[in-house]
């Protein structure tokens, strides 16, 4: 099955950063193509034992996507042509200083289908709720099928469900229930969320460091982004989220859920 542009980009950056071992030095276009095919085969369990030296070329659609990706990386200043000043020509290329910084800082979760998405989620949130996971997997399935509106709506359901689970944990704790009692009386999820954040803010210094770290980004920020896209997709606005945006949202859902479960554990 063909891979998405985002998957190809993530693997290409892994190779350029040296995080993946590939058969040939990725200093020319065809070697990069072979390397990406090898990485996909390795991650997807397609490499047969004893087949040393075998290559796993990309299919026709992936090759077309890689050609587009390569020139995008060039236009973005991530790679430049040639090996050095004495060899400035395509198909040879090398990462720029900017490209090396971007590649070395790349920490995207890798997934290419529903199963690998579940693995990535469970790695960060081992005890994730089965219902939440069901909607996240449905979102990934919709993404792979090209149904971006459906993927966005399913992600919105998943992140909202996770927040409601957090409130349920707090409500079942006699001590913390009193502190957040006013949250439970709000009608809409947005009202509950806003009230919760207003009450949580003065307590931030009392929270463990691992919860405080990136809390605003991995909780409020991500929830807001996903809910915005979900609302645009769930109503007949005519706005269609593109594939790159949907892929980013699938990735953001993982640190969001991880942060929510840290809060659940704290308030249990």
Protein backbone atom coordinates (compact mmCIF):
# COMPACT_ATOMS: atom_id res chain seq x y z
CA UNK A 1 0.00 0.00 0.00
CA UNK A 2 1.35 3.47 -0.85
CA UNK A 3 2.58 5.62 2.00
CA UNK A 4 1.56 9.18 2.68
CA UNK A 5 3.70 12.20 1.94
CA UNK A 6 4.09 12.77 5.69
CA UNK A 7 5.33 9.21 6.28
CA UNK A 8 7.88 9.56 3.50
CA UNK A 9 9.06 12.89 4.91
CA UNK A 10 9.44 11.48 8.44
CA UNK A 11 11.52 8.53 7.19
CA UNK A 12 13.64 10.75 4.95
CA UNK A 13 14.50 12.96 7.92
CA UNK A 14 15.27 9.90 10.06
CA UNK A 15 17.73 8.77 7.39
CA UNK A 16 19.33 12.20 7.00
CA UNK A 17 19.73 12.44 10.77
CA UNK A 18 21.38 8.99 10.93
CA UNK A 19 18.65 7.47 13.09
CA UNK A 20 18.09 4.74 10.51
CA UNK A 21 20.79 2.50 9.05
CA UNK A 22 20.36 2.13 5.30
CA UNK A 23 22.26 0.16 2.64
CA UNK A 24 23.81 3.19 0.93
CA UNK A 25 25.00 6.59 2.03
CA UNK A 26 22.06 8.95 1.40
CA UNK A 27 24.12 11.36 -0.69
CA UNK A 28 22.25 10.87 -3.95
CA UNK A 29 18.63 10.63 -4.90
CA UNK A 30 18.43 6.95 -5.80
CA UNK A 31 20.24 5.92 -2.61
CA UNK A 32 17.72 7.89 -0.57
CA UNK A 33 14.88 6.15 -2.39
CA UNK A 34 16.39 2.72 -1.68
CA UNK A 35 16.95 3.67 1.95
CA UNK A 36 13.37 4.80 2.48
CA UNK A 37 12.10 1.56 0.94
CA UNK A 38 14.35 -0.42 3.27
CA UNK A 39 13.14 1.45 6.36
CA UNK A 40 9.48 0.91 5.47
CA UNK A 41 10.14 -2.80 4.87
CA UNK A 42 11.92 -3.09 8.22
CA UNK A 43 9.19 -1.26 10.16
CA UNK A 44 6.41 -3.17 8.46
CA UNK A 45 7.99 -6.60 8.96
CA UNK A 46 8.52 -7.34 5.27
CA UNK A 47 12.23 -8.19 5.44
CA UNK A 48 12.77 -11.93 5.12
CA UNK A 49 15.43 -13.62 7.29
CA UNK A 50 18.52 -14.60 5.33
CA UNK A 51 17.82 -12.21 2.45
CA UNK A 52 20.97 -10.18 3.05
CA UNK A 53 21.63 -7.55 0.42
CA UNK A 54 18.04 -7.53 -0.83
CA UNK A 55 16.47 -4.17 -1.57
CA UNK A 56 12.84 -3.16 -1.15
CA UNK A 57 12.09 -0.50 -3.75
CA UNK A 58 9.25 1.95 -3.33
CA UNK A 59 6.14 1.38 -5.41
CA UNK A 60 5.27 3.69 -8.29
CA UNK A 61 3.07 6.02 -6.25
CA UNK A 62 5.65 6.35 -3.47
CA UNK A 63 8.31 7.17 -6.05
CA UNK A 64 6.15 9.98 -7.42
CA UNK A 65 5.59 11.29 -3.89
CA UNK A 66 9.31 11.08 -3.11
CA UNK A 67 10.17 13.14 -6.18
CA UNK A 68 7.79 15.86 -4.96
CA UNK A 69 9.15 15.57 -1.41
CA UNK A 70 12.77 15.84 -2.56
CA UNK A 71 12.22 19.16 -4.34
CA UNK A 72 10.10 20.41 -1.44
CA UNK A 73 13.04 19.74 0.89
CA UNK A 74 15.28 21.62 -1.54
CA UNK A 75 12.92 24.61 -1.74
CA UNK A 76 12.59 24.65 2.05
CA UNK A 77 16.39 24.88 2.42
CA UNK A 78 16.64 21.48 4.16
CA UNK A 79 18.87 19.96 1.46
CA UNK A 80 21.13 21.46 -1.18
CA UNK A 81 22.41 19.92 -4.40
CA UNK A 82 25.83 18.34 -4.85
CA UNK A 83 28.32 16.65 -2.56
CA UNK A 84 30.54 19.72 -2.18
CA UNK A 85 31.76 22.76 -4.09
CA UNK A 86 33.53 20.48 -6.55
CA UNK A 87 30.38 18.47 -7.27
CA UNK A 88 27.31 20.67 -7.32
CA UNK A 89 25.00 18.58 -9.47
CA UNK A 90 21.86 16.48 -8.99
CA UNK A 91 21.38 13.56 -8.27
CA UNK A 92 23.91 14.21 -5.49
CA UNK A 93 22.72 16.21 -2.49
CA UNK A 94 23.47 16.88 1.17
CA UNK A 95 21.61 18.38 4.17
CA UNK A 96 22.11 22.09 4.82
CA UNK A 97 22.95 23.37 8.30
CA UNK A 98 19.26 24.17 8.72
CA UNK A 99 18.37 20.73 7.44
CA UNK A 100 20.64 19.02 9.95
CA UNK A 101 19.04 20.96 12.79
CA UNK A 102 15.54 20.08 11.63
CA UNK A 103 16.40 16.41 11.08
CA UNK A 104 18.14 16.07 14.43
CA UNK A 105 15.17 17.62 16.21
CA UNK A 106 12.61 15.46 14.47
CA UNK A 107 10.71 13.38 17.02
CA UNK A 108 7.52 12.54 15.20
CA UNK A 109 5.67 9.38 16.17
CA UNK A 110 5.93 6.89 13.32
CA UNK A 111 2.87 5.00 12.20
CA UNK A 112 1.65 3.82 8.82
CA UNK A 113 -1.55 1.93 9.57
CA UNK A 114 -4.06 1.27 12.36
CA UNK A 115 -1.88 -1.34 14.08
CA UNK A 116 1.26 0.78 14.19
CA UNK A 117 -0.80 3.78 15.37
CA UNK A 118 -2.13 1.70 18.24
CA UNK A 119 1.41 0.61 19.10
CA UNK A 120 2.55 4.26 19.17
CA UNK A 121 -0.39 5.20 21.41
CA UNK A 122 0.03 2.31 23.83
CA UNK A 123 3.76 3.00 24.11
CA UNK A 124 2.94 6.42 25.59
CA UNK A 125 -0.39 5.60 27.28
CA UNK A 126 -0.38 1.87 28.20
CA UNK A 127 -3.68 2.03 30.12
CA UNK A 128 -5.64 4.09 27.60
CA UNK A 129 -9.41 3.61 27.74
CA UNK A 130 -10.74 1.10 25.19
CA UNK A 131 -13.45 3.48 23.96
CA UNK A 132 -10.97 6.31 23.43
CA UNK A 133 -8.64 3.94 21.59
CA UNK A 134 -11.52 2.77 19.40
CA UNK A 135 -12.12 6.32 18.15
CA UNK A 136 -8.41 7.01 17.67
CA UNK A 137 -8.05 3.86 15.58
CA UNK A 138 -11.15 4.79 13.60
CA UNK A 139 -9.54 8.19 12.94
CA UNK A 140 -6.41 6.49 11.63
CA UNK A 141 -8.48 4.17 9.43
CA UNK A 142 -10.33 7.15 7.99
CA UNK A 143 -7.01 8.93 7.36
CA UNK A 144 -5.60 5.94 5.49
CA UNK A 145 -8.79 5.80 3.41
CA UNK A 146 -8.52 9.47 2.48
CA UNK A 147 -11.53 10.54 4.57
CA UNK A 148 -10.04 13.58 6.30
CA UNK A 149 -13.34 14.99 7.59
CA UNK A 150 -14.19 11.67 9.24
CA UNK A 151 -10.69 11.37 10.71
CA UNK A 152 -10.95 14.83 12.26
CA UNK A 153 -14.37 14.16 13.79
CA UNK A 154 -13.17 10.87 15.30
CA UNK A 155 -10.13 12.59 16.78
CA UNK A 156 -12.38 15.25 18.28
CA UNK A 157 -14.54 12.60 19.92
CA UNK A 158 -11.45 10.85 21.30
CA UNK A 159 -9.88 13.93 22.90
CA UNK A 160 -13.18 15.08 24.37
CA UNK A 161 -13.85 11.60 25.76
CA UNK A 162 -10.43 11.61 27.41
CA UNK A 163 -11.15 14.94 29.09
CA UNK A 164 -14.49 13.63 30.36
CA UNK A 165 -12.68 10.60 31.80
CA UNK A 166 -10.40 12.99 33.70
CA UNK A 167 -13.42 14.78 35.15
CA UNK A 168 -14.93 11.43 36.10
CA UNK A 169 -11.77 10.49 38.01
CA UNK A 170 -11.82 13.81 39.87
CA UNK A 171 -15.53 13.52 40.66
CA UNK A 172 -14.95 10.10 42.22
CA UNK A 173 -12.29 11.47 44.57
CA UNK A 174 -13.91 13.05 47.63
CA UNK A 175 -11.04 15.47 48.22
CA UNK A 176 -10.58 16.76 44.70
CA UNK A 177 -14.29 16.67 43.92
CA UNK A 178 -14.87 19.58 46.26
CA UNK A 179 -12.15 21.66 44.60
CA UNK A 180 -13.58 21.22 41.12
CA UNK A 181 -17.27 20.97 42.06
CA UNK A 182 -18.26 23.97 39.93
CA UNK A 183 -16.92 22.27 36.79
CA UNK A 184 -19.49 19.49 36.93
CA UNK A 185 -22.40 21.91 36.85
CA UNK A 186 -21.41 23.43 33.51
CA UNK A 187 -23.52 22.38 30.54
CA UNK A 188 -21.17 22.17 27.57
CA UNK A 189 -17.77 20.56 27.29
CA UNK A 190 -16.20 23.90 26.39
CA UNK A 191 -17.65 25.49 29.51
CA UNK A 192 -16.43 22.57 31.62
CA UNK A 193 -12.97 22.87 30.11
CA UNK A 194 -12.72 26.63 30.64
CA UNK A 195 -13.89 26.32 34.23
CA UNK A 196 -11.45 23.48 34.87
CA UNK A 197 -8.50 25.46 33.52
CA UNK A 198 -9.45 28.51 35.58
CA UNK A 199 -9.43 26.38 38.72
CA UNK A 200 -6.28 24.48 37.76
CA UNK A 201 -4.10 27.50 36.97
CA UNK A 202 -3.60 28.62 40.61
CA UNK A 203 -2.58 25.05 41.53
CA UNK A 204 0.08 24.58 38.85
CA UNK A 205 3.00 25.01 41.26
CA UNK A 206 1.65 22.18 43.42
CA UNK A 207 1.60 19.70 40.54
CA UNK A 208 4.49 17.27 39.95
CA UNK A 209 7.11 18.48 37.49
CA UNK A 210 6.28 15.88 34.82
CA UNK A 211 2.68 17.13 34.76
CA UNK A 212 3.57 20.83 34.76
CA UNK A 213 6.02 20.38 31.89
CA UNK A 214 4.35 21.35 28.60
CA UNK A 215 0.95 21.19 30.30
CA UNK A 216 -0.47 24.18 28.47
CA UNK A 217 0.70 22.88 25.09
CA UNK A 218 -0.13 19.21 25.53
CA UNK A 219 -3.46 19.82 27.23
CA UNK A 220 -5.17 23.12 26.46
CA UNK A 221 -3.36 23.85 23.22
CA UNK A 222 -3.89 20.49 21.57
CA UNK A 223 -7.48 20.14 22.78
CA UNK A 224 -8.29 23.57 21.36
CA UNK A 225 -6.69 22.81 17.99
CA UNK A 226 -8.37 19.43 17.55
CA UNK A 227 -11.76 20.71 18.72
CA UNK A 228 -11.54 23.61 16.25
CA UNK A 229 -10.85 21.31 13.32
CA UNK A 230 -13.46 18.84 14.58
CA UNK A 231 -16.13 21.56 14.72
CA UNK A 232 -15.24 22.76 11.23
CA UNK A 233 -15.44 19.20 9.93
CA UNK A 234 -18.53 18.18 11.89
CA UNK A 235 -20.68 21.01 10.56
CA UNK A 236 -21.54 21.71 6.89
CA UNK A 237 -19.07 24.58 6.48
CA UNK A 238 -17.50 23.25 3.29
CA UNK A 239 -14.03 23.49 4.85
CA UNK A 240 -11.96 20.38 4.18
CA UNK A 241 -8.84 19.68 6.21
CA UNK A 242 -5.86 18.65 4.11
CA UNK A 243 -3.88 15.46 4.55
CA UNK A 244 -0.88 17.14 6.17
CA UNK A 245 -3.07 18.81 8.81
CA UNK A 246 -4.86 15.54 9.56
CA UNK A 247 -1.53 13.74 9.99
CA UNK A 248 -0.35 16.39 12.45
CA UNK A 249 -3.58 16.04 14.46
CA UNK A 250 -3.15 12.26 14.64
CA UNK A 251 0.29 12.83 16.14
CA UNK A 252 -0.87 15.53 18.56
CA UNK A 253 -3.52 13.23 20.00
CA UNK A 254 -0.81 11.05 21.54
CA UNK A 255 0.94 13.61 23.81
CA UNK A 256 -2.50 15.03 24.63
CA UNK A 257 -3.74 11.66 25.91
CA UNK A 258 -0.47 11.09 27.76
CA UNK A 259 -0.83 14.39 29.62
CA UNK A 260 -4.47 13.66 30.46
CA UNK A 261 -3.57 10.30 31.96
CA UNK A 262 -0.84 11.90 34.03
CA UNK A 263 -3.50 14.19 35.45
CA UNK A 264 -5.83 11.24 36.04
CA UNK A 265 -3.16 9.43 38.01
CA UNK A 266 -2.50 12.54 40.08
CA UNK A 267 -6.17 13.12 40.91
CA UNK A 268 -7.18 9.47 41.38
